[in-house]
Amino acid sequence: MHELSIAISIVEVSEEAACEQSGRVVAVHLKLGPLSGVVKEALLSSWPLACERSSLKGSRLEIEDGVIAGFCTQCGVVQPAESIQSMACQVCGTPMPDIRTGREMEIVALEISD
């Protein structure tokens, strides 16, 4: 389960940011794309263990689901994909080999208390 090592890395990065702000992390907000290779439920279940011996103990991990989108040559703009199984434009159905979003795993916000 590589999600535990990912959770530990998120804790470390969050602790550094909280130290710079002289505060305590209450919640970490993460954006997770469906193509990131990370299982959301496994990451959430490993969070308490990753935080156990850190200043984030008792904090929340809030995960926002990302969207798969790619550049549609027919529409000429970035459009959402029909599904994870069909990398085609949701608007016109054209296949989209140029995927622009959906692979991300990024910390988008930290809730820090004094």
PDB file of N, CA and C in Angstrom:
ATOM      1  N   MET A   1       0.855  -1.181   0.000  1.00  0.00           N
ATOM      2  CA  MET A   1       0.000   0.000   0.000  1.00  0.00           C
ATOM      3  C   MET A   1       0.897   1.240   0.000  1.00  0.00           C
ATOM      4  N   HIS A   2       1.141   1.793  -1.164  1.00  0.00           N
ATOM      5  CA  HIS A   2       2.004   2.974  -1.259  1.00  0.00           C
ATOM      6  C   HIS A   2       1.300   4.242  -0.783  1.00  0.00           C
ATOM      7  N   GLU A   3       0.006   4.166  -0.531  1.00  0.00           N
ATOM      8  CA  GLU A   3      -0.732   5.341  -0.054  1.00  0.00           C
ATOM      9  C   GLU A   3      -0.236   5.794   1.313  1.00  0.00           C
ATOM     10  N   LEU A   4       0.244   4.873   2.145  1.00  0.00           N
ATOM     11  CA  LEU A   4       0.786   5.265   3.448  1.00  0.00           C
ATOM     12  C   LEU A   4       2.028   6.136   3.274  1.00  0.00           C
ATOM     13  N   SER A   5       2.918   5.757   2.368  1.00  0.00           N
ATOM     14  CA  SER A   5       4.118   6.584   2.159  1.00  0.00           C
ATOM     15  C   SER A   5       3.743   7.938   1.563  1.00  0.00           C
ATOM     16  N   ILE A   6       2.707   7.980   0.737  1.00  0.00           N
ATOM     17  CA  ILE A   6       2.231   9.252   0.191  1.00  0.00           C
ATOM     18  C   ILE A   6       1.662  10.106   1.314  1.00  0.00           C
ATOM     19  N   ALA A   7       0.867   9.496   2.194  1.00  0.00           N
ATOM     20  CA  ALA A   7       0.293  10.234   3.324  1.00  0.00           C
ATOM     21  C   ALA A   7       1.393  10.789   4.227  1.00  0.00           C
ATOM     22  N   ILE A   8       2.421  10.006   4.458  1.00  0.00           N
ATOM     23  CA  ILE A   8       3.544  10.471   5.289  1.00  0.00           C
ATOM     24  C   ILE A   8       4.227  11.669   4.630  1.00  0.00           C
ATOM     25  N   SER A   9       4.398  11.630   3.323  1.00  0.00           N
ATOM     26  CA  SER A   9       5.006  12.762   2.607  1.00  0.00           C
ATOM     27  C   SER A   9       4.137  14.012   2.705  1.00  0.00           C
ATOM     28  N   ILE A  10       2.827  13.843   2.607  1.00  0.00           N
ATOM     29  CA  ILE A  10       1.905  14.975   2.735  1.00  0.00           C
ATOM     30  C   ILE A  10       2.008  15.572   4.134  1.00  0.00           C
ATOM     31  N   VAL A  11       2.113  14.723   5.140  1.00  0.00           N
ATOM     32  CA  VAL A  11       2.267  15.183   6.523  1.00  0.00           C
ATOM     33  C   VAL A  11       3.548  16.003   6.665  1.00  0.00           C
ATOM     34  N   GLU A  12       4.649  15.510   6.110  1.00  0.00           N
ATOM     35  CA  GLU A  12       5.931  16.213   6.216  1.00  0.00           C
ATOM     36  C   GLU A  12       5.876  17.590   5.563  1.00  0.00           C
ATOM     37  N   VAL A  13       5.309  17.655   4.363  1.00  0.00           N
ATOM     38  CA  VAL A  13       5.196  18.937   3.659  1.00  0.00           C
ATOM     39  C   VAL A  13       4.297  19.896   4.438  1.00  0.00           C
ATOM     40  N   SER A  14       3.207  19.372   4.970  1.00  0.00           N
ATOM     41  CA  SER A  14       2.260  20.196   5.726  1.00  0.00           C
ATOM     42  C   SER A  14       2.872  20.710   7.013  1.00  0.00           C
ATOM     43  N   GLU A  15       3.669  19.884   7.675  1.00  0.00           N
ATOM     44  CA  GLU A  15       4.345  20.316   8.900  1.00  0.00           C
ATOM     45  C   GLU A  15       5.310  21.461   8.619  1.00  0.00           C
ATOM     46  N   GLU A  16       6.031  21.375   7.516  1.00  0.00           N
ATOM     47  CA  GLU A  16       6.957  22.448   7.149  1.00  0.00           C
ATOM     48  C   GLU A  16       6.211  23.761   6.921  1.00  0.00           C
ATOM     49  N   ALA A  17       5.093  23.683   6.213  1.00  0.00           N
ATOM     50  CA  ALA A  17       4.297  24.889   5.938  1.00  0.00           C
ATOM     51  C   ALA A  17       3.725  25.473   7.224  1.00  0.00           C
ATOM     52  N   ALA A  18       3.270  24.618   8.115  1.00  0.00           N
ATOM     53  CA  ALA A  18       2.709  25.088   9.383  1.00  0.00           C
ATOM     54  C   ALA A  18       3.779  25.737  10.243  1.00  0.00           C
ATOM     55  N   CYS A  19       4.982  25.190  10.203  1.00  0.00           N
ATOM     56  CA  CYS A  19       6.089  25.755  10.971  1.00  0.00           C
ATOM     57  C   CYS A  19       6.404  27.169  10.477  1.00  0.00           C
ATOM     58  N   GLU A  20       6.365  27.372   9.156  1.00  0.00           N
ATOM     59  CA  GLU A  20       6.614  28.694   8.587  1.00  0.00           C
ATOM     60  C   GLU A  20       5.547  29.700   9.011  1.00  0.00           C
ATOM     61  N   GLN A  21       4.330  29.207   9.235  1.00  0.00           N
ATOM     62  CA  GLN A  21       3.212  30.069   9.625  1.00  0.00           C
ATOM     63  C   GLN A  21       3.047  30.144  11.147  1.00  0.00           C
ATOM     64  N   SER A  22       3.892  29.412  11.878  1.00  0.00           N
ATOM     65  CA  SER A  22       3.806  29.343  13.343  1.00  0.00           C
ATOM     66  C   SER A  22       2.419  28.918  13.800  1.00  0.00           C
ATOM     67  N   GLY A  23       1.910  27.860  13.182  1.00  0.00           N
ATOM     68  CA  GLY A  23       0.579  27.373  13.542  1.00  0.00           C
ATOM     69  C   GLY A  23       0.519  25.861  13.503  1.00  0.00           C
ATOM     70  N   ARG A  24      -0.685  25.361  13.689  1.00  0.00           N
ATOM     71  CA  ARG A  24      -0.940  23.911  13.687  1.00  0.00           C
ATOM     72  C   ARG A  24      -1.926  23.590  12.571  1.00  0.00           C
ATOM     73  N   VAL A  25      -1.628  22.555  11.792  1.00  0.00           N
ATOM     74  CA  VAL A  25      -2.502  22.146  10.699  1.00  0.00           C
ATOM     75  C   VAL A  25      -3.732  21.447  11.258  1.00  0.00           C
ATOM     76  N   VAL A  26      -4.894  21.957  10.893  1.00  0.00           N
ATOM     77  CA  VAL A  26      -6.173  21.379  11.295  1.00  0.00           C
ATOM     78  C   VAL A  26      -6.712  20.476  10.187  1.00  0.00           C
ATOM     79  N   ALA A  27      -6.494  20.884   8.930  1.00  0.00           N
ATOM     80  CA  ALA A  27      -6.958  20.103   7.786  1.00  0.00           C
ATOM     81  C   ALA A  27      -6.056  20.333   6.582  1.00  0.00           C
ATOM     82  N   VAL A  28      -5.908  19.281   5.798  1.00  0.00           N
ATOM     83  CA  VAL A  28      -5.170  19.348   4.540  1.00  0.00           C
ATOM     84  C   VAL A  28      -6.177  19.103   3.431  1.00  0.00           C
ATOM     85  N   HIS A  29      -6.198  19.995   2.447  1.00  0.00           N
ATOM     86  CA  HIS A  29      -7.099  19.859   1.301  1.00  0.00           C
ATOM     87  C   HIS A  29      -6.264  19.431   0.098  1.00  0.00           C
ATOM     88  N   LEU A  30      -6.627  18.299  -0.468  1.00  0.00           N
ATOM     89  CA  LEU A  30      -5.864  17.683  -1.534  1.00  0.00           C
ATOM     90  C   LEU A  30      -6.744  17.512  -2.767  1.00  0.00           C
ATOM     91  N   LYS A  31      -6.192  17.762  -3.941  1.00  0.00           N
ATOM     92  CA  LYS A  31      -6.886  17.478  -5.195  1.00  0.00           C
ATOM     93  C   LYS A  31      -6.265  16.218  -5.766  1.00  0.00           C
ATOM     94  N   LEU A  32      -7.112  15.231  -6.068  1.00  0.00           N
ATOM     95  CA  LEU A  32      -6.642  13.923  -6.504  1.00  0.00           C
ATOM     96  C   LEU A  32      -7.325  13.533  -7.803  1.00  0.00           C
ATOM     97  N   GLY A  33      -6.543  13.418  -8.856  1.00  0.00           N
ATOM     98  CA  GLY A  33      -7.083  13.040 -10.159  1.00  0.00           C
ATOM     99  C   GLY A  33      -7.312  11.545 -10.261  1.00  0.00           C
ATOM    100  N   PRO A  34      -8.281  11.135 -11.065  1.00  0.00           N
ATOM    101  CA  PRO A  34      -8.577   9.707 -11.210  1.00  0.00           C
ATOM    102  C   PRO A  34      -7.461   8.923 -11.895  1.00  0.00           C
ATOM    103  N   LEU A  35      -6.544   9.590 -12.567  1.00  0.00           N
ATOM    104  CA  LEU A  35      -5.418   8.929 -13.231  1.00  0.00           C
ATOM    105  C   LEU A  35      -4.126   9.029 -12.420  1.00  0.00           C
ATOM    106  N   SER A  36      -4.212   9.477 -11.172  1.00  0.00           N
ATOM    107  CA  SER A  36      -3.017   9.691 -10.339  1.00  0.00           C
ATOM    108  C   SER A  36      -2.367   8.390  -9.878  1.00  0.00           C
ATOM    109  N   GLY A  37      -3.111   7.300  -9.915  1.00  0.00           N
ATOM    110  CA  GLY A  37      -2.573   6.030  -9.432  1.00  0.00           C
ATOM    111  C   GLY A  37      -2.703   5.868  -7.927  1.00  0.00           C
ATOM    112  N   VAL A  38      -3.439   6.773  -7.278  1.00  0.00           N
ATOM    113  CA  VAL A  38      -3.631   6.730  -5.829  1.00  0.00           C
ATOM    114  C   VAL A  38      -5.086   6.377  -5.545  1.00  0.00           C
ATOM    115  N   VAL A  39      -5.286   5.422  -4.650  1.00  0.00           N
ATOM    116  CA  VAL A  39      -6.635   5.025  -4.265  1.00  0.00           C
ATOM    117  C   VAL A  39      -7.098   5.920  -3.119  1.00  0.00           C
ATOM    118  N   LYS A  40      -8.131   6.701  -3.390  1.00  0.00           N
ATOM    119  CA  LYS A  40      -8.625   7.691  -2.432  1.00  0.00           C
ATOM    120  C   LYS A  40      -8.934   7.058  -1.071  1.00  0.00           C
ATOM    121  N   GLU A  41      -9.658   5.965  -1.067  1.00  0.00           N
ATOM    122  CA  GLU A  41     -10.070   5.322   0.190  1.00  0.00           C
ATOM    123  C   GLU A  41      -8.860   4.820   0.979  1.00  0.00           C
ATOM    124  N   ALA A  42      -7.851   4.308   0.282  1.00  0.00           N
ATOM    125  CA  ALA A  42      -6.638   3.838   0.960  1.00  0.00           C
ATOM    126  C   ALA A  42      -5.861   5.006   1.560  1.00  0.00           C
ATOM    127  N   LEU A  43      -5.823   6.113   0.842  1.00  0.00           N
ATOM    128  CA  LEU A  43      -5.135   7.305   1.356  1.00  0.00           C
ATOM    129  C   LEU A  43      -5.845   7.836   2.601  1.00  0.00           C
ATOM    130  N   LEU A  44      -7.162   7.895   2.544  1.00  0.00           N
ATOM    131  CA  LEU A  44      -7.943   8.363   3.701  1.00  0.00           C
ATOM    132  C   LEU A  44      -7.767   7.441   4.904  1.00  0.00           C
ATOM    133  N   SER A  45      -7.742   6.141   4.668  1.00  0.00           N
ATOM    134  CA  SER A  45      -7.614   5.206   5.796  1.00  0.00           C
ATOM    135  C   SER A  45      -6.200   5.198   6.380  1.00  0.00           C
ATOM    136  N   SER A  46      -5.196   5.559   5.577  1.00  0.00           N
ATOM    137  CA  SER A  46      -3.827   5.601   6.094  1.00  0.00           C
ATOM    138  C   SER A  46      -3.485   6.929   6.776  1.00  0.00           C
ATOM    139  N   TRP A  47      -4.350   7.930   6.607  1.00  0.00           N
ATOM    140  CA  TRP A  47      -4.080   9.259   7.154  1.00  0.00           C
ATOM    141  C   TRP A  47      -3.851   9.258   8.677  1.00  0.00           C
ATOM    142  N   PRO A  48      -4.724   8.652   9.482  1.00  0.00           N
ATOM    143  CA  PRO A  48      -4.491   8.684  10.938  1.00  0.00           C
ATOM    144  C   PRO A  48      -3.146   8.066  11.351  1.00  0.00           C
ATOM    145  N   LEU A  49      -2.745   6.994  10.684  1.00  0.00           N
ATOM    146  CA  LEU A  49      -1.470   6.360  10.995  1.00  0.00           C
ATOM    147  C   LEU A  49      -0.299   7.257  10.605  1.00  0.00           C
ATOM    148  N   ALA A  50      -0.397   7.913   9.460  1.00  0.00           N
ATOM    149  CA  ALA A  50       0.665   8.811   9.010  1.00  0.00           C
ATOM    150  C   ALA A  50       0.829  10.002   9.957  1.00  0.00           C
ATOM    151  N   CYS A  51      -0.275  10.421  10.567  1.00  0.00           N
ATOM    152  CA  CYS A  51      -0.258  11.594  11.458  1.00  0.00           C
ATOM    153  C   CYS A  51       0.083  11.248  12.906  1.00  0.00           C
ATOM    154  N   GLU A  52       0.064   9.973  13.244  1.00  0.00           N
ATOM    155  CA  GLU A  52       0.154   9.509  14.632  1.00  0.00           C
ATOM    156  C   GLU A  52       1.274  10.170  15.440  1.00  0.00           C
ATOM    157  N   ARG A  53       2.459  10.248  14.902  1.00  0.00           N
ATOM    158  CA  ARG A  53       3.602  10.798  15.643  1.00  0.00           C
ATOM    159  C   ARG A  53       4.045  12.136  15.070  1.00  0.00           C
ATOM    160  N   SER A  54       3.063  12.941  14.723  1.00  0.00           N
ATOM    161  CA  SER A  54       3.388  14.247  14.140  1.00  0.00           C
ATOM    162  C   SER A  54       2.491  15.316  14.749  1.00  0.00           C
ATOM    163  N   SER A  55       2.770  16.545  14.382  1.00  0.00           N
ATOM    164  CA  SER A  55       1.934  17.651  14.858  1.00  0.00           C
ATOM    165  C   SER A  55       0.570  17.676  14.170  1.00  0.00           C
ATOM    166  N   LEU A  56       0.364  16.819  13.178  1.00  0.00           N
ATOM    167  CA  LEU A  56      -0.920  16.757  12.478  1.00  0.00           C
ATOM    168  C   LEU A  56      -1.882  15.748  13.092  1.00  0.00           C
ATOM    169  N   LYS A  57      -1.489  15.129  14.193  1.00  0.00           N
ATOM    170  CA  LYS A  57      -2.357  14.149  14.831  1.00  0.00           C
ATOM    171  C   LYS A  57      -3.720  14.794  15.119  1.00  0.00           C
ATOM    172  N   GLY A  58      -4.781  14.135  14.664  1.00  0.00           N
ATOM    173  CA  GLY A  58      -6.132  14.649  14.843  1.00  0.00           C
ATOM    174  C   GLY A  58      -6.609  15.543  13.714  1.00  0.00           C
ATOM    175  N   SER A  59      -5.750  15.786  12.733  1.00  0.00           N
ATOM    176  CA  SER A  59      -6.150  16.640  11.608  1.00  0.00           C
ATOM    177  C   SER A  59      -6.996  15.845  10.611  1.00  0.00           C
ATOM    178  N   ARG A  60      -7.631  16.591   9.694  1.00  0.00           N
ATOM    179  CA  ARG A  60      -8.469  15.976   8.662  1.00  0.00           C
ATOM    180  C   ARG A  60      -7.756  16.033   7.317  1.00  0.00           C
ATOM    181  N   LEU A  61      -8.032  15.026   6.502  1.00  0.00           N
ATOM    182  CA  LEU A  61      -7.601  15.039   5.112  1.00  0.00           C
ATOM    183  C   LEU A  61      -8.857  15.141   4.267  1.00  0.00           C
ATOM    184  N   GLU A  62      -8.996  16.266   3.564  1.00  0.00           N
ATOM    185  CA  GLU A  62     -10.162  16.504   2.708  1.00  0.00           C
ATOM    186  C   GLU A  62      -9.697  16.331   1.263  1.00  0.00           C
ATOM    187  N   ILE A  63     -10.332  15.407   0.542  1.00  0.00           N
ATOM    188  CA  ILE A  63      -9.912  15.127  -0.831  1.00  0.00           C
ATOM    189  C   ILE A  63     -10.980  15.570  -1.822  1.00  0.00           C
ATOM    190  N   GLU A  64     -10.553  16.423  -2.745  1.00  0.00           N
ATOM    191  CA  GLU A  64     -11.408  16.865  -3.854  1.00  0.00           C
ATOM    192  C   GLU A  64     -11.073  15.989  -5.060  1.00  0.00           C
ATOM    193  N   ASP A  65     -12.084  15.403  -5.668  1.00  0.00           N
ATOM    194  CA  ASP A  65     -11.862  14.567  -6.844  1.00  0.00           C
ATOM    195  C   ASP A  65     -11.576  15.428  -8.056  1.00  0.00           C
ATOM    196  N   GLY A  66     -10.481  15.121  -8.738  1.00  0.00           N
ATOM    197  CA  GLY A  66     -10.127  15.832  -9.962  1.00  0.00           C
ATOM    198  C   GLY A  66     -10.935  15.309 -11.135  1.00  0.00           C
ATOM    199  N   VAL A  67     -10.826  15.979 -12.254  1.00  0.00           N
ATOM    200  CA  VAL A  67     -11.573  15.637 -13.459  1.00  0.00           C
ATOM    201  C   VAL A  67     -10.590  15.345 -14.584  1.00  0.00           C
ATOM    202  N   ILE A  68     -10.898  14.351 -15.390  1.00  0.00           N
ATOM    203  CA  ILE A  68     -10.087  14.066 -16.567  1.00  0.00           C
ATOM    204  C   ILE A  68     -10.539  15.002 -17.685  1.00  0.00           C
ATOM    205  N   ALA A  69      -9.589  15.741 -18.231  1.00  0.00           N
ATOM    206  CA  ALA A  69      -9.886  16.643 -19.344  1.00  0.00           C
ATOM    207  C   ALA A  69      -8.715  16.633 -20.314  1.00  0.00           C
ATOM    208  N   GLY A  70      -9.027  16.844 -21.566  1.00  0.00           N
ATOM    209  CA  GLY A  70      -7.989  16.861 -22.591  1.00  0.00           C
ATOM    210  C   GLY A  70      -8.307  17.886 -23.661  1.00  0.00           C
ATOM    211  N   PHE A  71      -7.326  18.106 -24.520  1.00  0.00           N
ATOM    212  CA  PHE A  71      -7.535  19.050 -25.609  1.00  0.00           C
ATOM    213  C   PHE A  71      -8.271  18.339 -26.735  1.00  0.00           C
ATOM    214  N   CYS A  72      -9.427  18.872 -27.090  1.00  0.00           N
ATOM    215  CA  CYS A  72     -10.232  18.321 -28.180  1.00  0.00           C
ATOM    216  C   CYS A  72      -9.878  19.072 -29.462  1.00  0.00           C
ATOM    217  N   THR A  73      -9.377  18.346 -30.439  1.00  0.00           N
ATOM    218  CA  THR A  73      -8.998  18.982 -31.703  1.00  0.00           C
ATOM    219  C   THR A  73     -10.225  19.441 -32.491  1.00  0.00           C
ATOM    220  N   GLN A  74     -11.333  18.788 -32.290  1.00  0.00           N
ATOM    221  CA  GLN A  74     -12.564  19.171 -32.987  1.00  0.00           C
ATOM    222  C   GLN A  74     -13.141  20.469 -32.407  1.00  0.00           C
ATOM    223  N   CYS A  75     -13.238  20.546 -31.075  1.00  0.00           N
ATOM    224  CA  CYS A  75     -13.790  21.740 -30.402  1.00  0.00           C
ATOM    225  C   CYS A  75     -12.767  22.872 -30.307  1.00  0.00           C
ATOM    226  N   GLY A  76     -11.484  22.508 -30.307  1.00  0.00           N
ATOM    227  CA  GLY A  76     -10.423  23.503 -30.225  1.00  0.00           C
ATOM    228  C   GLY A  76     -10.146  24.019 -28.825  1.00  0.00           C
ATOM    229  N   VAL A  77     -10.665  23.348 -27.809  1.00  0.00           N
ATOM    230  CA  VAL A  77     -10.460  23.754 -26.411  1.00  0.00           C
ATOM    231  C   VAL A  77     -10.316  22.511 -25.534  1.00  0.00           C
ATOM    232  N   VAL A  78      -9.911  22.728 -24.281  1.00  0.00           N
ATOM    233  CA  VAL A  78      -9.842  21.640 -23.309  1.00  0.00           C
ATOM    234  C   VAL A  78     -11.265  21.317 -22.853  1.00  0.00           C
ATOM    235  N   GLN A  79     -11.614  20.043 -22.944  1.00  0.00           N
ATOM    236  CA  GLN A  79     -12.954  19.573 -22.571  1.00  0.00           C
ATOM    237  C   GLN A  79     -12.829  18.394 -21.613  1.00  0.00           C
ATOM    238  N   PRO A  80     -13.863  18.155 -20.782  1.00  0.00           N
ATOM    239  CA  PRO A  80     -13.859  16.964 -19.939  1.00  0.00           C
ATOM    240  C   PRO A  80     -13.977  15.700 -20.791  1.00  0.00           C
ATOM    241  N   ALA A  81     -13.367  14.618 -20.317  1.00  0.00           N
ATOM    242  CA  ALA A  81     -13.480  13.325 -20.994  1.00  0.00           C
ATOM    243  C   ALA A  81     -14.817  12.684 -20.631  1.00  0.00           C
ATOM    244  N   GLU A  82     -15.302  11.817 -21.524  1.00  0.00           N
ATOM    245  CA  GLU A  82     -16.568  11.119 -21.276  1.00  0.00           C
ATOM    246  C   GLU A  82     -16.491  10.296 -19.994  1.00  0.00           C
ATOM    247  N   SER A  83     -15.387   9.557 -19.820  1.00  0.00           N
ATOM    248  CA  SER A  83     -15.198   8.729 -18.625  1.00  0.00           C
ATOM    249  C   SER A  83     -13.739   8.296 -18.553  1.00  0.00           C
ATOM    250  N   ILE A  84     -13.392   7.602 -17.489  1.00  0.00           N
ATOM    251  CA  ILE A  84     -12.027   7.105 -17.358  1.00  0.00           C
ATOM    252  C   ILE A  84     -11.757   6.003 -18.383  1.00  0.00           C
ATOM    253  N   GLN A  85     -12.813   5.332 -18.832  1.00  0.00           N
ATOM    254  CA  GLN A  85     -12.669   4.283 -19.836  1.00  0.00           C
ATOM    255  C   GLN A  85     -12.653   4.847 -21.261  1.00  0.00           C
ATOM    256  N   SER A  86     -13.248   6.006 -21.470  1.00  0.00           N
ATOM    257  CA  SER A  86     -13.335   6.596 -22.798  1.00  0.00           C
ATOM    258  C   SER A  86     -12.721   7.997 -22.785  1.00  0.00           C
ATOM    259  N   MET A  87     -11.521   8.097 -23.285  1.00  0.00           N
ATOM    260  CA  MET A  87     -10.839   9.387 -23.336  1.00  0.00           C
ATOM    261  C   MET A  87     -11.280  10.163 -24.574  1.00  0.00           C
ATOM    262  N   ALA A  88     -12.572  10.392 -24.635  1.00  0.00           N
ATOM    263  CA  ALA A  88     -13.156  11.136 -25.745  1.00  0.00           C
ATOM    264  C   ALA A  88     -13.840  12.379 -25.193  1.00  0.00           C
ATOM    265  N   CYS A  89     -13.947  13.398 -26.032  1.00  0.00           N
ATOM    266  CA  CYS A  89     -14.579  14.659 -25.648  1.00  0.00           C
ATOM    267  C   CYS A  89     -16.027  14.424 -25.229  1.00  0.00           C
ATOM    268  N   GLN A  90     -16.376  14.958 -24.087  1.00  0.00           N
ATOM    269  CA  GLN A  90     -17.733  14.822 -23.561  1.00  0.00           C
ATOM    270  C   GLN A  90     -18.752  15.583 -24.416  1.00  0.00           C
ATOM    271  N   VAL A  91     -18.289  16.585 -25.156  1.00  0.00           N
ATOM    272  CA  VAL A  91     -19.183  17.420 -25.962  1.00  0.00           C
ATOM    273  C   VAL A  91     -19.442  16.809 -27.348  1.00  0.00           C
ATOM    274  N   CYS A  92     -18.342  16.436 -28.045  1.00  0.00           N
ATOM    275  CA  CYS A  92     -18.522  15.973 -29.431  1.00  0.00           C
ATOM    276  C   CYS A  92     -18.138  14.521 -29.681  1.00  0.00           C
ATOM    277  N   GLY A  93     -17.506  13.868 -28.695  1.00  0.00           N
ATOM    278  CA  GLY A  93     -17.144  12.452 -28.842  1.00  0.00           C
ATOM    279  C   GLY A  93     -15.821  12.183 -29.530  1.00  0.00           C
ATOM    280  N   THR A  94     -15.068  13.214 -29.904  1.00  0.00           N
ATOM    281  CA  THR A  94     -13.769  13.044 -30.562  1.00  0.00           C
ATOM    282  C   THR A  94     -12.750  12.485 -29.563  1.00  0.00           C
ATOM    283  N   PRO A  95     -11.965  11.455 -29.952  1.00  0.00           N
ATOM    284  CA  PRO A  95     -10.913  10.944 -29.062  1.00  0.00           C
ATOM    285  C   PRO A  95      -9.909  12.049 -28.715  1.00  0.00           C
ATOM    286  N   MET A  96      -9.453  12.050 -27.446  1.00  0.00           N
ATOM    287  CA  MET A  96      -8.518  13.079 -26.969  1.00  0.00           C
ATOM    288  C   MET A  96      -7.234  12.429 -26.459  1.00  0.00           C
ATOM    289  N   PRO A  97      -6.205  12.316 -27.309  1.00  0.00           N
ATOM    290  CA  PRO A  97      -4.949  11.733 -26.838  1.00  0.00           C
ATOM    291  C   PRO A  97      -4.133  12.690 -25.960  1.00  0.00           C
ATOM    292  N   ASP A  98      -4.451  13.991 -26.011  1.00  0.00           N
ATOM    293  CA  ASP A  98      -3.706  15.006 -25.260  1.00  0.00           C
ATOM    294  C   ASP A  98      -4.440  15.317 -23.948  1.00  0.00           C
ATOM    295  N   ILE A  99      -4.227  14.481 -22.946  1.00  0.00           N
ATOM    296  CA  ILE A  99      -4.892  14.639 -21.647  1.00  0.00           C
ATOM    297  C   ILE A  99      -4.162  15.717 -20.856  1.00  0.00           C
ATOM    298  N   ARG A 100      -4.915  16.696 -20.364  1.00  0.00           N
ATOM    299  CA  ARG A 100      -4.322  17.840 -19.657  1.00  0.00           C
ATOM    300  C   ARG A 100      -4.492  17.762 -18.147  1.00  0.00           C
ATOM    301  N   THR A 101      -5.597  17.206 -17.664  1.00  0.00           N
ATOM    302  CA  THR A 101      -5.808  17.084 -16.213  1.00  0.00           C
ATOM    303  C   THR A 101      -6.327  15.686 -15.894  1.00  0.00           C
ATOM    304  N   GLY A 102      -6.141  15.299 -14.652  1.00  0.00           N
ATOM    305  CA  GLY A 102      -6.609  13.997 -14.201  1.00  0.00           C
ATOM    306  C   GLY A 102      -5.517  13.176 -13.545  1.00  0.00           C
ATOM    307  N   ARG A 103      -4.266  13.604 -13.734  1.00  0.00           N
ATOM    308  CA  ARG A 103      -3.133  12.876 -13.139  1.00  0.00           C
ATOM    309  C   ARG A 103      -2.639  13.522 -11.839  1.00  0.00           C
ATOM    310  N   GLU A 104      -3.228  14.650 -11.482  1.00  0.00           N
ATOM    311  CA  GLU A 104      -2.686  15.448 -10.383  1.00  0.00           C
ATOM    312  C   GLU A 104      -2.957  14.850  -8.999  1.00  0.00           C
ATOM    313  N   MET A 105      -2.027  15.147  -8.124  1.00  0.00           N
ATOM    314  CA  MET A 105      -2.179  14.930  -6.690  1.00  0.00           C
ATOM    315  C   MET A 105      -1.465  16.115  -6.059  1.00  0.00           C
ATOM    316  N   GLU A 106      -2.244  17.093  -5.633  1.00  0.00           N
ATOM    317  CA  GLU A 106      -1.627  18.320  -5.125  1.00  0.00           C
ATOM    318  C   GLU A 106      -2.346  18.848  -3.900  1.00  0.00           C
ATOM    319  N   ILE A 107      -1.553  19.380  -3.003  1.00  0.00           N
ATOM    320  CA  ILE A 107      -2.113  20.053  -1.838  1.00  0.00           C
ATOM    321  C   ILE A 107      -2.594  21.418  -2.327  1.00  0.00           C
ATOM    322  N   VAL A 108      -3.894  21.658  -2.181  1.00  0.00           N
ATOM    323  CA  VAL A 108      -4.438  22.936  -2.657  1.00  0.00           C
ATOM    324  C   VAL A 108      -4.632  23.938  -1.525  1.00  0.00           C
ATOM    325  N   ALA A 109      -4.759  23.453  -0.296  1.00  0.00           N
ATOM    326  CA  ALA A 109      -4.929  24.376   0.839  1.00  0.00           C
ATOM    327  C   ALA A 109      -4.612  23.652   2.144  1.00  0.00           C
ATOM    328  N   LEU A 110      -4.202  24.452   3.127  1.00  0.00           N
ATOM    329  CA  LEU A 110      -4.011  23.970   4.493  1.00  0.00           C
ATOM    330  C   LEU A 110      -4.824  24.858   5.412  1.00  0.00           C
ATOM    331  N   GLU A 111      -5.568  24.254   6.303  1.00  0.00           N
ATOM    332  CA  GLU A 111      -6.234  25.022   7.362  1.00  0.00           C
ATOM    333  C   GLU A 111      -5.285  25.006   8.551  1.00  0.00           C
ATOM    334  N   ILE A 112      -4.835  26.191   8.936  1.00  0.00           N
ATOM    335  CA  ILE A 112      -3.862  26.316  10.018  1.00  0.00           C
ATOM    336  C   ILE A 112      -4.444  27.189  11.114  1.00  0.00           C
ATOM    337  N   SER A 113      -4.355  26.673  12.344  1.00  0.00           N
ATOM    338  CA  SER A 113      -4.832  27.472  13.493  1.00  0.00           C
ATOM    339  C   SER A 113      -3.625  28.003  14.249  1.00  0.00           C
ATOM    340  N   ASP A 114      -3.864  29.044  15.017  1.00  0.00           N
ATOM    341  CA  ASP A 114      -2.782  29.655  15.808  1.00  0.00           C
ATOM    342  C   ASP A 114      -2.394  28.808  16.985  1.00  0.00           C
TER     343      ASP A 114
END
